[in-house]
Amino acid sequence: MTILISNDDGGVHAPGIRVLAQHIQKFSEVFVMANDAPKKTGTCPRVTN
């Protein structure tokens, strides 16, 4: 199973996104899609649609 974690509000540097990815990768393949800066709401859906 592959899991996609996305975060467009806190960006890639949000405190929980790395911890979440590290825990999930023990059980599954993980991809993280997040902005390089916080508060870019709506960016991830525009990239994936």
PDB file of N, CA and C in Angstrom:
ATOM      1  N   MET A   1       0.847  -1.169   0.000  1.00  0.00           N
ATOM      2  CA  MET A   1       0.000   0.000   0.000  1.00  0.00           C
ATOM      3  C   MET A   1       0.896   1.238   0.000  1.00  0.00           C
ATOM      4  N   THR A   2       0.482   2.250  -0.716  1.00  0.00           N
ATOM      5  CA  THR A   2       1.185   3.528  -0.758  1.00  0.00           C
ATOM      6  C   THR A   2       0.290   4.594  -0.155  1.00  0.00           C
ATOM      7  N   ILE A   3       0.856   5.423   0.695  1.00  0.00           N
ATOM      8  CA  ILE A   3       0.095   6.476   1.367  1.00  0.00           C
ATOM      9  C   ILE A   3       0.677   7.831   0.989  1.00  0.00           C
ATOM     10  N   LEU A   4      -0.207   8.766   0.646  1.00  0.00           N
ATOM     11  CA  LEU A   4       0.174  10.142   0.345  1.00  0.00           C
ATOM     12  C   LEU A   4      -0.246  11.020   1.505  1.00  0.00           C
ATOM     13  N   ILE A   5       0.703  11.753   2.067  1.00  0.00           N
ATOM     14  CA  ILE A   5       0.416  12.728   3.119  1.00  0.00           C
ATOM     15  C   ILE A   5       0.563  14.099   2.480  1.00  0.00           C
ATOM     16  N   SER A   6      -0.474  14.912   2.605  1.00  0.00           N
ATOM     17  CA  SER A   6      -0.391  16.261   2.041  1.00  0.00           C
ATOM     18  C   SER A   6      -0.659  17.293   3.131  1.00  0.00           C
ATOM     19  N   ASN A   7      -0.045  18.455   2.968  1.00  0.00           N
ATOM     20  CA  ASN A   7      -0.209  19.532   3.933  1.00  0.00           C
ATOM     21  C   ASN A   7       0.028  20.852   3.219  1.00  0.00           C
ATOM     22  N   ASP A   8      -1.032  21.612   3.014  1.00  0.00           N
ATOM     23  CA  ASP A   8      -0.859  22.905   2.350  1.00  0.00           C
ATOM     24  C   ASP A   8      -0.995  24.081   3.311  1.00  0.00           C
ATOM     25  N   ASP A   9      -1.311  23.820   4.573  1.00  0.00           N
ATOM     26  CA  ASP A   9      -1.420  24.908   5.553  1.00  0.00           C
ATOM     27  C   ASP A   9      -0.126  25.127   6.331  1.00  0.00           C
ATOM     28  N   GLY A  10       0.515  24.051   6.732  1.00  0.00           N
ATOM     29  CA  GLY A  10       1.714  24.183   7.554  1.00  0.00           C
ATOM     30  C   GLY A  10       3.005  23.996   6.802  1.00  0.00           C
ATOM     31  N   GLY A  11       2.897  23.514   5.585  1.00  0.00           N
ATOM     32  CA  GLY A  11       4.097  23.296   4.784  1.00  0.00           C
ATOM     33  C   GLY A  11       4.883  22.073   5.216  1.00  0.00           C
ATOM     34  N   VAL A  12       5.951  21.811   4.507  1.00  0.00           N
ATOM     35  CA  VAL A  12       6.773  20.626   4.748  1.00  0.00           C
ATOM     36  C   VAL A  12       7.476  20.703   6.101  1.00  0.00           C
ATOM     37  N   HIS A  13       7.601  21.876   6.659  1.00  0.00           N
ATOM     38  CA  HIS A  13       8.292  22.050   7.929  1.00  0.00           C
ATOM     39  C   HIS A  13       7.349  22.016   9.135  1.00  0.00           C
ATOM     40  N   ALA A  14       6.087  21.702   8.925  1.00  0.00           N
ATOM     41  CA  ALA A  14       5.139  21.598  10.032  1.00  0.00           C
ATOM     42  C   ALA A  14       5.620  20.514  10.999  1.00  0.00           C
ATOM     43  N   PRO A  15       5.487  20.748  12.294  1.00  0.00           N
ATOM     44  CA  PRO A  15       6.042  19.825  13.287  1.00  0.00           C
ATOM     45  C   PRO A  15       5.571  18.375  13.157  1.00  0.00           C
ATOM     46  N   GLY A  16       4.327  18.154  12.823  1.00  0.00           N
ATOM     47  CA  GLY A  16       3.803  16.797  12.836  1.00  0.00           C
ATOM     48  C   GLY A  16       3.971  16.007  11.556  1.00  0.00           C
ATOM     49  N   ILE A  17       4.210  16.667  10.433  1.00  0.00           N
ATOM     50  CA  ILE A  17       4.202  15.959   9.149  1.00  0.00           C
ATOM     51  C   ILE A  17       5.369  14.973   9.043  1.00  0.00           C
ATOM     52  N   ARG A  18       6.524  15.340   9.509  1.00  0.00           N
ATOM     53  CA  ARG A  18       7.681  14.434   9.459  1.00  0.00           C
ATOM     54  C   ARG A  18       7.504  13.260  10.421  1.00  0.00           C
ATOM     55  N   VAL A  19       6.979  13.540  11.613  1.00  0.00           N
ATOM     56  CA  VAL A  19       6.732  12.477  12.597  1.00  0.00           C
ATOM     57  C   VAL A  19       5.711  11.486  12.056  1.00  0.00           C
ATOM     58  N   LEU A  20       4.634  12.001  11.466  1.00  0.00           N
ATOM     59  CA  LEU A  20       3.606  11.136  10.883  1.00  0.00           C
ATOM     60  C   LEU A  20       4.200  10.249   9.799  1.00  0.00           C
ATOM     61  N   ALA A  21       4.964  10.836   8.905  1.00  0.00           N
ATOM     62  CA  ALA A  21       5.570  10.069   7.812  1.00  0.00           C
ATOM     63  C   ALA A  21       6.525   8.999   8.348  1.00  0.00           C
ATOM     64  N   GLN A  22       7.315   9.339   9.348  1.00  0.00           N
ATOM     65  CA  GLN A  22       8.252   8.368   9.910  1.00  0.00           C
ATOM     66  C   GLN A  22       7.530   7.177  10.524  1.00  0.00           C
ATOM     67  N   HIS A  23       6.425   7.415  11.191  1.00  0.00           N
ATOM     68  CA  HIS A  23       5.676   6.312  11.803  1.00  0.00           C
ATOM     69  C   HIS A  23       4.977   5.457  10.753  1.00  0.00           C
ATOM     70  N   ILE A  24       4.394   6.084   9.756  1.00  0.00           N
ATOM     71  CA  ILE A  24       3.662   5.332   8.734  1.00  0.00           C
ATOM     72  C   ILE A  24       4.608   4.519   7.850  1.00  0.00           C
ATOM     73  N   GLN A  25       5.815   5.025   7.586  1.00  0.00           N
ATOM     74  CA  GLN A  25       6.723   4.309   6.690  1.00  0.00           C
ATOM     75  C   GLN A  25       7.186   2.973   7.266  1.00  0.00           C
ATOM     76  N   LYS A  26       6.919   2.726   8.530  1.00  0.00           N
ATOM     77  CA  LYS A  26       7.211   1.420   9.118  1.00  0.00           C
ATOM     78  C   LYS A  26       6.286   0.343   8.544  1.00  0.00           C
ATOM     79  N   PHE A  27       5.127   0.765   8.044  1.00  0.00           N
ATOM     80  CA  PHE A  27       4.101  -0.158   7.584  1.00  0.00           C
ATOM     81  C   PHE A  27       3.787  -0.052   6.100  1.00  0.00           C
ATOM     82  N   SER A  28       4.187   1.055   5.468  1.00  0.00           N
ATOM     83  CA  SER A  28       3.769   1.307   4.104  1.00  0.00           C
ATOM     84  C   SER A  28       4.741   2.265   3.414  1.00  0.00           C
ATOM     85  N   GLU A  29       4.656   2.317   2.099  1.00  0.00           N
ATOM     86  CA  GLU A  29       5.408   3.312   1.340  1.00  0.00           C
ATOM     87  C   GLU A  29       4.707   4.661   1.509  1.00  0.00           C
ATOM     88  N   VAL A  30       5.474   5.718   1.750  1.00  0.00           N
ATOM     89  CA  VAL A  30       4.899   7.026   2.052  1.00  0.00           C
ATOM     90  C   VAL A  30       5.484   8.081   1.121  1.00  0.00           C
ATOM     91  N   PHE A  31       4.608   8.937   0.601  1.00  0.00           N
ATOM     92  CA  PHE A  31       5.016  10.123  -0.137  1.00  0.00           C
ATOM     93  C   PHE A  31       4.435  11.327   0.579  1.00  0.00           C
ATOM     94  N   VAL A  32       5.217  12.375   0.694  1.00  0.00           N
ATOM     95  CA  VAL A  32       4.755  13.604   1.333  1.00  0.00           C
ATOM     96  C   VAL A  32       4.716  14.693   0.272  1.00  0.00           C
ATOM     97  N   MET A  33       3.571  15.362   0.194  1.00  0.00           N
ATOM     98  CA  MET A  33       3.410  16.486  -0.726  1.00  0.00           C
ATOM     99  C   MET A  33       3.032  17.703   0.111  1.00  0.00           C
ATOM    100  N   ALA A  34       3.961  18.633   0.197  1.00  0.00           N
ATOM    101  CA  ALA A  34       3.726  19.813   1.024  1.00  0.00           C
ATOM    102  C   ALA A  34       4.510  20.989   0.449  1.00  0.00           C
ATOM    103  N   ASN A  35       4.035  22.164   0.756  1.00  0.00           N
ATOM    104  CA  ASN A  35       4.693  23.387   0.288  1.00  0.00           C
ATOM    105  C   ASN A  35       5.983  23.627   1.043  1.00  0.00           C
ATOM    106  N   ASP A  36       6.830  24.451   0.477  1.00  0.00           N
ATOM    107  CA  ASP A  36       8.077  24.805   1.143  1.00  0.00           C
ATOM    108  C   ASP A  36       7.906  25.979   2.099  1.00  0.00           C
ATOM    109  N   ALA A  37       6.708  26.543   2.176  1.00  0.00           N
ATOM    110  CA  ALA A  37       6.422  27.649   3.081  1.00  0.00           C
ATOM    111  C   ALA A  37       5.013  27.466   3.641  1.00  0.00           C
ATOM    112  N   PRO A  38       4.781  27.923   4.869  1.00  0.00           N
ATOM    113  CA  PRO A  38       3.450  27.767   5.469  1.00  0.00           C
ATOM    114  C   PRO A  38       2.410  28.674   4.839  1.00  0.00           C
ATOM    115  N   LYS A  39       1.169  28.329   5.081  1.00  0.00           N
ATOM    116  CA  LYS A  39       0.000  29.145   4.709  1.00  0.00           C
ATOM    117  C   LYS A  39      -0.176  29.339   3.208  1.00  0.00           C
ATOM    118  N   LYS A  40      -0.085  28.261   2.469  1.00  0.00           N
ATOM    119  CA  LYS A  40      -0.396  28.314   1.041  1.00  0.00           C
ATOM    120  C   LYS A  40      -1.610  27.423   0.790  1.00  0.00           C
ATOM    121  N   THR A  41      -2.665  27.688   1.513  1.00  0.00           N
ATOM    122  CA  THR A  41      -3.874  26.884   1.458  1.00  0.00           C
ATOM    123  C   THR A  41      -4.367  26.715   0.026  1.00  0.00           C
ATOM    124  N   GLY A  42      -4.667  25.463  -0.335  1.00  0.00           N
ATOM    125  CA  GLY A  42      -5.224  25.170  -1.642  1.00  0.00           C
ATOM    126  C   GLY A  42      -4.200  24.825  -2.706  1.00  0.00           C
ATOM    127  N   THR A  43      -2.934  24.893  -2.402  1.00  0.00           N
ATOM    128  CA  THR A  43      -1.911  24.619  -3.403  1.00  0.00           C
ATOM    129  C   THR A  43      -1.854  23.145  -3.782  1.00  0.00           C
ATOM    130  N   CYS A  44      -1.903  22.247  -2.805  1.00  0.00           N
ATOM    131  CA  CYS A  44      -1.799  20.808  -3.108  1.00  0.00           C
ATOM    132  C   CYS A  44      -2.908  20.323  -4.037  1.00  0.00           C
ATOM    133  N   PRO A  45      -4.177  20.668  -3.803  1.00  0.00           N
ATOM    134  CA  PRO A  45      -5.201  20.223  -4.746  1.00  0.00           C
ATOM    135  C   PRO A  45      -4.987  20.752  -6.165  1.00  0.00           C
ATOM    136  N   ARG A  46      -4.460  21.963  -6.302  1.00  0.00           N
ATOM    137  CA  ARG A  46      -4.212  22.510  -7.638  1.00  0.00           C
ATOM    138  C   ARG A  46      -3.130  21.721  -8.363  1.00  0.00           C
ATOM    139  N   VAL A  47      -2.167  21.201  -7.613  1.00  0.00           N
ATOM    140  CA  VAL A  47      -1.087  20.437  -8.237  1.00  0.00           C
ATOM    141  C   VAL A  47      -1.569  19.055  -8.654  1.00  0.00           C
ATOM    142  N   THR A  48      -2.433  18.431  -7.847  1.00  0.00           N
ATOM    143  CA  THR A  48      -2.840  17.057  -8.109  1.00  0.00           C
ATOM    144  C   THR A  48      -4.040  16.949  -9.042  1.00  0.00           C
ATOM    145  N   ASN A  49      -4.787  17.991  -9.242  1.00  0.00           N
ATOM    146  CA  ASN A  49      -5.979  17.927 -10.116  1.00  0.00           C
ATOM    147  C   ASN A  49      -5.647  18.298 -11.532  1.00  0.00           C
TER     148      ASN A  49
END
